[in-house]
Amino acid sequence: MDYGMISKIEKAKIYAEERDRIQFESLRVRIQGDNTEAPHLVSYDNGSWNCDCSFFASRGVCSHTMAMERILANMVEIG
């Protein structure tokens, strides 16, 4: 491995530890739920969550979006 790559790996470690450097603008993930064969599509866009499940459609929040908020704790702005 060359010196340039080593320095990039070290810089990546610093960035990963200093989470205040990172700001999510948008994100799309699929989460496999317990009640369906197909995974649910969860998205985040500029502070707003969305999910294709029926619970989210009626309440504006669901276990899938709450799980993502936990995973990304303090890394996304919750609108």
C-alpha atoms as a PDB file:
ATOM      1  CA  MET A   1       0.000   0.000   0.000  1.00  0.00           C
ATOM      2  CA  ASP A   2       1.398   3.405  -0.922  1.00  0.00           C
ATOM      3  CA  TYR A   3       1.806   6.387   1.395  1.00  0.00           C
ATOM      4  CA  GLY A   4      -1.017   8.311  -0.311  1.00  0.00           C
ATOM      5  CA  MET A   5      -3.527   5.547   0.429  1.00  0.00           C
ATOM      6  CA  ILE A   6      -2.335   5.209   4.039  1.00  0.00           C
ATOM      7  CA  SER A   7      -2.893   8.926   4.641  1.00  0.00           C
ATOM      8  CA  LYS A   8      -6.409   8.693   3.121  1.00  0.00           C
ATOM      9  CA  ILE A   9      -7.285   5.777   5.407  1.00  0.00           C
ATOM     10  CA  GLU A  10      -6.100   7.744   8.435  1.00  0.00           C
ATOM     11  CA  LYS A  11      -8.121  10.784   7.334  1.00  0.00           C
ATOM     12  CA  ALA A  12     -11.203   8.588   6.875  1.00  0.00           C
ATOM     13  CA  LYS A  13     -10.848   7.316  10.452  1.00  0.00           C
ATOM     14  CA  ILE A  14     -10.750  10.910  11.733  1.00  0.00           C
ATOM     15  CA  TYR A  15     -13.816  11.896   9.696  1.00  0.00           C
ATOM     16  CA  ALA A  16     -15.732   8.849  10.960  1.00  0.00           C
ATOM     17  CA  GLU A  17     -14.943   9.718  14.583  1.00  0.00           C
ATOM     18  CA  GLU A  18     -15.820  13.397  14.230  1.00  0.00           C
ATOM     19  CA  ARG A  19     -19.458  12.929  13.287  1.00  0.00           C
ATOM     20  CA  ASP A  20     -20.242  16.640  13.473  1.00  0.00           C
ATOM     21  CA  ARG A  21     -18.430  16.891  10.122  1.00  0.00           C
ATOM     22  CA  ILE A  22     -21.148  14.809   8.465  1.00  0.00           C
ATOM     23  CA  GLN A  23     -24.575  16.119   7.494  1.00  0.00           C
ATOM     24  CA  PHE A  24     -27.091  13.885   5.748  1.00  0.00           C
ATOM     25  CA  GLU A  25     -29.203  15.538   3.065  1.00  0.00           C
ATOM     26  CA  SER A  26     -30.915  12.497   1.616  1.00  0.00           C
ATOM     27  CA  LEU A  27     -30.875   8.756   2.071  1.00  0.00           C
ATOM     28  CA  ARG A  28     -32.806   5.700   0.835  1.00  0.00           C
ATOM     29  CA  VAL A  29     -32.742   2.304   2.494  1.00  0.00           C
ATOM     30  CA  ARG A  30     -34.752  -0.884   2.441  1.00  0.00           C
ATOM     31  CA  ILE A  31     -35.743  -2.459   5.748  1.00  0.00           C
ATOM     32  CA  GLN A  32     -37.043  -5.998   5.960  1.00  0.00           C
ATOM     33  CA  GLY A  33     -40.063  -5.950   8.239  1.00  0.00           C
ATOM     34  CA  ASP A  34     -41.672  -8.845  10.081  1.00  0.00           C
ATOM     35  CA  ASN A  35     -45.064  -8.759   8.344  1.00  0.00           C
ATOM     36  CA  THR A  36     -44.251  -8.719   4.624  1.00  0.00           C
ATOM     37  CA  GLU A  37     -41.995 -10.576   2.231  1.00  0.00           C
ATOM     38  CA  ALA A  38     -40.905  -7.396   0.451  1.00  0.00           C
ATOM     39  CA  PRO A  39     -38.759  -4.895   2.357  1.00  0.00           C
ATOM     40  CA  HIS A  40     -40.066  -1.404   3.097  1.00  0.00           C
ATOM     41  CA  LEU A  41     -38.514   1.579   1.358  1.00  0.00           C
ATOM     42  CA  VAL A  42     -37.508   4.282   3.851  1.00  0.00           C
ATOM     43  CA  SER A  43     -36.205   7.635   2.715  1.00  0.00           C
ATOM     44  CA  TYR A  44     -34.865  10.775   4.331  1.00  0.00           C
ATOM     45  CA  ASP A  45     -34.780  14.117   2.547  1.00  0.00           C
ATOM     46  CA  ASN A  46     -33.753  17.400   4.162  1.00  0.00           C
ATOM     47  CA  GLY A  47     -35.155  16.630   7.605  1.00  0.00           C
ATOM     48  CA  SER A  48     -38.207  14.606   6.567  1.00  0.00           C
ATOM     49  CA  TRP A  49     -38.666  10.849   6.773  1.00  0.00           C
ATOM     50  CA  ASN A  50     -40.926   8.778   4.542  1.00  0.00           C
ATOM     51  CA  CYS A  51     -41.824   5.082   4.471  1.00  0.00           C
ATOM     52  CA  ASP A  52     -44.011   3.076   2.121  1.00  0.00           C
ATOM     53  CA  CYS A  53     -45.739   1.163   4.939  1.00  0.00           C
ATOM     54  CA  SER A  54     -49.397   1.751   5.789  1.00  0.00           C
ATOM     55  CA  PHE A  55     -48.655   2.740   9.401  1.00  0.00           C
ATOM     56  CA  PHE A  56     -46.450   5.615   8.226  1.00  0.00           C
ATOM     57  CA  ALA A  57     -49.166   6.696   5.793  1.00  0.00           C
ATOM     58  CA  SER A  58     -51.649   7.120   8.643  1.00  0.00           C
ATOM     59  CA  ARG A  59     -49.324   8.366  11.423  1.00  0.00           C
ATOM     60  CA  GLY A  60     -46.329  10.028   9.748  1.00  0.00           C
ATOM     61  CA  VAL A  61     -43.956   7.810  11.741  1.00  0.00           C
ATOM     62  CA  CYS A  62     -43.359   4.062  11.958  1.00  0.00           C
ATOM     63  CA  SER A  63     -41.008   1.454  13.372  1.00  0.00           C
ATOM     64  CA  HIS A  64     -38.941   1.598  10.181  1.00  0.00           C
ATOM     65  CA  THR A  65     -38.286   5.353  10.378  1.00  0.00           C
ATOM     66  CA  MET A  66     -37.726   5.179  14.137  1.00  0.00           C
ATOM     67  CA  ALA A  67     -35.178   2.389  13.607  1.00  0.00           C
ATOM     68  CA  MET A  68     -33.276   4.585  11.146  1.00  0.00           C
ATOM     69  CA  GLU A  69     -33.342   7.492  13.602  1.00  0.00           C
ATOM     70  CA  ARG A  70     -31.775   5.196  16.206  1.00  0.00           C
ATOM     71  CA  ILE A  71     -29.147   3.917  13.785  1.00  0.00           C
ATOM     72  CA  LEU A  72     -28.230   7.450  12.726  1.00  0.00           C
ATOM     73  CA  ALA A  73     -28.500   8.868  16.260  1.00  0.00           C
ATOM     74  CA  ASN A  74     -27.686  12.582  16.246  1.00  0.00           C
ATOM     75  CA  MET A  75     -26.547  12.432  12.628  1.00  0.00           C
ATOM     76  CA  VAL A  76     -29.794  13.497  10.960  1.00  0.00           C
ATOM     77  CA  GLU A  77     -31.965  16.509  11.598  1.00  0.00           C
ATOM     78  CA  ILE A  78     -35.450  15.408  12.561  1.00  0.00           C
ATOM     79  CA  GLY A  79     -38.016  17.737  11.037  1.00  0.00           C
END
